[in-house]
Amino acid sequence: MSSIEIVIIDEGDVAGEVLVPRPEQSVVAVPPPGDGPGYWAGGPSAVEWDGDIYLAYRLRRPLGMGRGYAVAVARSGDGEHFETLLTITKE
């Protein structure tokens, strides 16, 4: 089971314009859509716009249960708590 983890980086972590990941400070921003093997939320892409962070990610279920079934887009004001704006199913 996998989830999307967001690494929180503050201004003290910026070296020039390169952000350095700090896995020990990461938090789960998007949990997997179910419990058990084969459920995960991942393959994320994020962009900051107008003070908010927008995150697009894939949702997966186990093989035989419609594995790749949706892509979601979410928004966050703090980079940690995301509100789903839309979910696009493969239908």
N, C-alpha and C. Protein backbone atom coordinates (compact mmCIF):
# COMPACT_ATOMS: atom_id res chain seq x y z
N MET A 1 0.86 -1.16 0.00
CA MET A 1 0.00 0.00 0.00
C MET A 1 0.91 1.22 0.00
N SER A 2 0.65 2.16 -0.89
CA SER A 2 1.45 3.37 -1.00
C SER A 2 0.57 4.59 -0.89
N SER A 3 1.20 5.68 -0.52
CA SER A 3 0.50 6.95 -0.42
C SER A 3 1.42 8.04 -0.95
N ILE A 4 0.87 9.20 -1.19
CA ILE A 4 1.68 10.33 -1.60
C ILE A 4 2.18 11.02 -0.35
N GLU A 5 3.48 11.16 -0.24
CA GLU A 5 4.06 11.86 0.90
C GLU A 5 4.59 13.20 0.43
N ILE A 6 4.31 14.22 1.18
CA ILE A 6 4.75 15.57 0.88
C ILE A 6 5.84 15.95 1.87
N VAL A 7 6.93 16.46 1.36
CA VAL A 7 8.01 16.91 2.22
C VAL A 7 7.83 18.40 2.46
N ILE A 8 7.71 18.78 3.72
CA ILE A 8 7.54 20.18 4.08
C ILE A 8 8.93 20.82 4.17
N ILE A 9 9.13 21.87 3.41
CA ILE A 9 10.42 22.55 3.37
C ILE A 9 10.20 24.01 3.75
N ASP A 10 10.95 24.48 4.74
CA ASP A 10 10.81 25.88 5.10
C ASP A 10 11.96 26.68 4.50
N GLU A 11 11.93 27.98 4.66
CA GLU A 11 12.94 28.85 4.05
C GLU A 11 14.35 28.50 4.47
N GLY A 12 14.54 27.97 5.67
CA GLY A 12 15.86 27.59 6.14
C GLY A 12 16.44 26.40 5.40
N ASP A 13 15.60 25.67 4.65
CA ASP A 13 16.05 24.50 3.91
C ASP A 13 16.42 24.82 2.47
N VAL A 14 16.31 26.06 2.07
CA VAL A 14 16.57 26.43 0.69
C VAL A 14 18.04 26.77 0.52
N ALA A 15 18.71 26.07 -0.38
CA ALA A 15 20.11 26.34 -0.70
C ALA A 15 20.12 26.95 -2.10
N GLY A 16 20.20 28.27 -2.18
CA GLY A 16 20.05 28.93 -3.48
C GLY A 16 18.61 28.76 -3.91
N GLU A 17 18.43 28.16 -5.08
CA GLU A 17 17.08 27.88 -5.56
C GLU A 17 16.80 26.39 -5.62
N VAL A 18 17.64 25.59 -4.99
CA VAL A 18 17.46 24.15 -4.99
C VAL A 18 16.83 23.73 -3.68
N LEU A 19 15.68 23.06 -3.75
CA LEU A 19 15.02 22.56 -2.56
C LEU A 19 15.54 21.16 -2.27
N VAL A 20 15.91 20.92 -1.04
CA VAL A 20 16.47 19.64 -0.66
C VAL A 20 15.40 18.84 0.08
N PRO A 21 15.03 17.65 -0.44
CA PRO A 21 14.02 16.83 0.25
C PRO A 21 14.48 16.42 1.64
N ARG A 22 13.54 16.34 2.56
CA ARG A 22 13.80 15.90 3.93
C ARG A 22 12.77 14.81 4.26
N PRO A 23 13.01 13.56 3.81
CA PRO A 23 12.03 12.49 4.03
C PRO A 23 11.60 12.31 5.47
N GLU A 24 12.48 12.57 6.42
CA GLU A 24 12.12 12.41 7.83
C GLU A 24 11.09 13.44 8.27
N GLN A 25 10.86 14.48 7.47
CA GLN A 25 9.87 15.50 7.78
C GLN A 25 8.62 15.37 6.91
N SER A 26 8.53 14.29 6.13
CA SER A 26 7.41 14.15 5.20
C SER A 26 6.13 13.76 5.94
N VAL A 27 5.01 14.07 5.32
CA VAL A 27 3.69 13.73 5.84
C VAL A 27 2.87 13.12 4.71
N VAL A 28 1.88 12.32 5.04
CA VAL A 28 1.00 11.76 4.03
C VAL A 28 -0.02 12.82 3.65
N ALA A 29 -0.01 13.21 2.38
CA ALA A 29 -0.95 14.21 1.89
C ALA A 29 -2.17 13.56 1.25
N VAL A 30 -1.97 12.41 0.62
CA VAL A 30 -3.06 11.68 -0.03
C VAL A 30 -2.90 10.20 0.33
N PRO A 31 -3.82 9.66 1.12
CA PRO A 31 -3.72 8.24 1.47
C PRO A 31 -4.15 7.36 0.30
N PRO A 32 -3.78 6.08 0.32
CA PRO A 32 -4.25 5.17 -0.72
C PRO A 32 -5.78 5.04 -0.64
N PRO A 33 -6.43 4.71 -1.76
CA PRO A 33 -7.90 4.66 -1.78
C PRO A 33 -8.49 3.41 -1.12
N GLY A 34 -7.67 2.54 -0.57
CA GLY A 34 -8.16 1.34 0.11
C GLY A 34 -7.05 0.73 0.94
N ASP A 35 -7.41 -0.27 1.71
CA ASP A 35 -6.44 -0.96 2.55
C ASP A 35 -5.94 -2.22 1.85
N GLY A 36 -4.67 -2.53 2.05
CA GLY A 36 -4.11 -3.77 1.53
C GLY A 36 -3.25 -3.56 0.31
N PRO A 37 -2.59 -4.65 -0.10
CA PRO A 37 -1.70 -4.60 -1.26
C PRO A 37 -2.43 -4.19 -2.53
N GLY A 38 -1.76 -3.39 -3.35
CA GLY A 38 -2.32 -2.99 -4.64
C GLY A 38 -3.04 -1.66 -4.64
N TYR A 39 -3.38 -1.14 -3.48
CA TYR A 39 -4.00 0.17 -3.39
C TYR A 39 -2.92 1.22 -3.23
N TRP A 40 -2.94 2.25 -4.07
CA TRP A 40 -1.99 3.33 -3.90
C TRP A 40 -2.45 4.59 -4.61
N ALA A 41 -1.92 5.69 -4.15
CA ALA A 41 -2.07 7.00 -4.78
C ALA A 41 -0.65 7.46 -5.07
N GLY A 42 -0.36 7.77 -6.31
CA GLY A 42 1.03 8.12 -6.63
C GLY A 42 1.19 8.72 -8.00
N GLY A 43 2.44 8.78 -8.42
CA GLY A 43 2.78 9.40 -9.69
C GLY A 43 2.39 10.86 -9.71
N PRO A 44 2.66 11.59 -8.61
CA PRO A 44 2.15 12.95 -8.51
C PRO A 44 2.94 13.97 -9.31
N SER A 45 2.27 15.05 -9.59
CA SER A 45 2.86 16.24 -10.20
C SER A 45 2.25 17.43 -9.47
N ALA A 46 3.09 18.38 -9.08
CA ALA A 46 2.58 19.52 -8.31
C ALA A 46 3.06 20.83 -8.90
N VAL A 47 2.24 21.86 -8.72
CA VAL A 47 2.60 23.20 -9.16
C VAL A 47 2.04 24.20 -8.15
N GLU A 48 2.77 25.27 -7.90
CA GLU A 48 2.29 26.35 -7.05
C GLU A 48 1.77 27.46 -7.96
N TRP A 49 0.56 27.94 -7.65
CA TRP A 49 -0.02 29.03 -8.43
C TRP A 49 -0.88 29.87 -7.52
N ASP A 50 -0.62 31.16 -7.54
CA ASP A 50 -1.42 32.13 -6.79
C ASP A 50 -1.52 31.78 -5.30
N GLY A 51 -0.42 31.27 -4.72
CA GLY A 51 -0.39 30.98 -3.30
C GLY A 51 -0.88 29.61 -2.89
N ASP A 52 -1.44 28.84 -3.82
CA ASP A 52 -1.92 27.48 -3.52
C ASP A 52 -1.05 26.46 -4.25
N ILE A 53 -1.07 25.23 -3.76
CA ILE A 53 -0.38 24.13 -4.41
C ILE A 53 -1.43 23.22 -5.02
N TYR A 54 -1.26 22.91 -6.30
CA TYR A 54 -2.16 22.01 -7.01
C TYR A 54 -1.41 20.71 -7.26
N LEU A 55 -2.07 19.59 -6.96
CA LEU A 55 -1.47 18.28 -7.05
C LEU A 55 -2.33 17.39 -7.93
N ALA A 56 -1.71 16.79 -8.94
CA ALA A 56 -2.40 15.79 -9.77
C ALA A 56 -1.75 14.45 -9.46
N TYR A 57 -2.57 13.40 -9.31
CA TYR A 57 -2.03 12.10 -8.96
C TYR A 57 -2.94 10.98 -9.46
N ARG A 58 -2.36 9.77 -9.58
CA ARG A 58 -3.09 8.61 -10.05
C ARG A 58 -3.61 7.80 -8.86
N LEU A 59 -4.76 7.17 -9.03
CA LEU A 59 -5.33 6.27 -8.03
C LEU A 59 -5.36 4.86 -8.61
N ARG A 60 -4.90 3.90 -7.81
CA ARG A 60 -4.82 2.52 -8.27
C ARG A 60 -5.44 1.57 -7.24
N ARG A 61 -6.00 0.47 -7.80
CA ARG A 61 -6.54 -0.63 -7.00
C ARG A 61 -5.78 -1.90 -7.38
N PRO A 62 -5.99 -2.99 -6.66
CA PRO A 62 -5.30 -4.24 -7.00
C PRO A 62 -5.69 -4.74 -8.40
N LEU A 63 -4.79 -5.54 -8.98
CA LEU A 63 -5.10 -6.19 -10.26
C LEU A 63 -6.41 -6.96 -10.12
N GLY A 64 -7.21 -6.93 -11.16
CA GLY A 64 -8.50 -7.62 -11.13
C GLY A 64 -9.63 -6.79 -10.55
N MET A 65 -9.31 -5.61 -10.03
CA MET A 65 -10.34 -4.74 -9.45
C MET A 65 -10.40 -3.40 -10.18
N GLY A 66 -9.91 -3.37 -11.43
CA GLY A 66 -9.91 -2.12 -12.17
C GLY A 66 -8.70 -1.27 -11.84
N ARG A 67 -7.54 -1.87 -11.82
CA ARG A 67 -6.28 -1.31 -11.35
C ARG A 67 -6.15 0.21 -11.48
N GLY A 68 -5.93 0.72 -12.68
CA GLY A 68 -5.80 2.16 -12.87
C GLY A 68 -7.16 2.74 -13.19
N TYR A 69 -7.78 3.35 -12.21
CA TYR A 69 -9.18 3.75 -12.44
C TYR A 69 -9.43 5.25 -12.43
N ALA A 70 -8.46 6.06 -11.96
CA ALA A 70 -8.76 7.49 -11.90
C ALA A 70 -7.49 8.33 -11.74
N VAL A 71 -7.65 9.59 -12.11
CA VAL A 71 -6.65 10.63 -11.86
C VAL A 71 -7.39 11.72 -11.08
N ALA A 72 -6.74 12.25 -10.06
CA ALA A 72 -7.38 13.28 -9.24
C ALA A 72 -6.54 14.55 -9.25
N VAL A 73 -7.21 15.67 -9.04
CA VAL A 73 -6.55 16.97 -8.89
C VAL A 73 -7.02 17.55 -7.57
N ALA A 74 -6.05 18.01 -6.76
CA ALA A 74 -6.37 18.55 -5.45
C ALA A 74 -5.66 19.88 -5.24
N ARG A 75 -6.15 20.65 -4.28
CA ARG A 75 -5.57 21.97 -3.97
C ARG A 75 -5.28 22.06 -2.48
N SER A 76 -4.18 22.77 -2.15
CA SER A 76 -3.81 22.98 -0.75
C SER A 76 -3.26 24.38 -0.56
N GLY A 77 -3.61 24.97 0.56
CA GLY A 77 -3.05 26.27 0.91
C GLY A 77 -1.76 26.15 1.71
N ASP A 78 -1.55 24.97 2.32
CA ASP A 78 -0.37 24.79 3.15
C ASP A 78 0.58 23.69 2.67
N GLY A 79 0.24 23.01 1.58
CA GLY A 79 1.09 21.96 1.05
C GLY A 79 1.00 20.65 1.81
N GLU A 80 0.09 20.58 2.77
CA GLU A 80 -0.04 19.37 3.58
C GLU A 80 -1.47 18.83 3.60
N HIS A 81 -2.44 19.71 3.64
CA HIS A 81 -3.84 19.31 3.67
C HIS A 81 -4.46 19.64 2.32
N PHE A 82 -4.87 18.60 1.57
CA PHE A 82 -5.37 18.77 0.21
C PHE A 82 -6.86 18.51 0.13
N GLU A 83 -7.53 19.35 -0.66
CA GLU A 83 -8.95 19.20 -0.95
C GLU A 83 -9.06 18.73 -2.40
N THR A 84 -9.73 17.61 -2.63
CA THR A 84 -9.90 17.12 -3.99
C THR A 84 -10.84 18.04 -4.76
N LEU A 85 -10.36 18.52 -5.89
CA LEU A 85 -11.18 19.40 -6.75
C LEU A 85 -11.97 18.59 -7.77
N LEU A 86 -11.34 17.56 -8.32
CA LEU A 86 -12.02 16.71 -9.29
C LEU A 86 -11.31 15.39 -9.41
N THR A 87 -12.08 14.39 -9.80
CA THR A 87 -11.56 13.06 -10.06
C THR A 87 -12.02 12.65 -11.44
N ILE A 88 -11.08 12.28 -12.27
CA ILE A 88 -11.38 11.88 -13.64
C ILE A 88 -11.22 10.37 -13.72
N THR A 89 -12.34 9.67 -13.95
CA THR A 89 -12.28 8.22 -14.06
C THR A 89 -11.97 7.81 -15.49
N LYS A 90 -11.55 6.57 -15.69
CA LYS A 90 -11.21 6.15 -17.05
C LYS A 90 -12.45 6.00 -17.93
N GLU A 91 -13.63 5.94 -17.32
CA GLU A 91 -14.86 5.93 -18.12
C GLU A 91 -15.05 7.28 -18.77
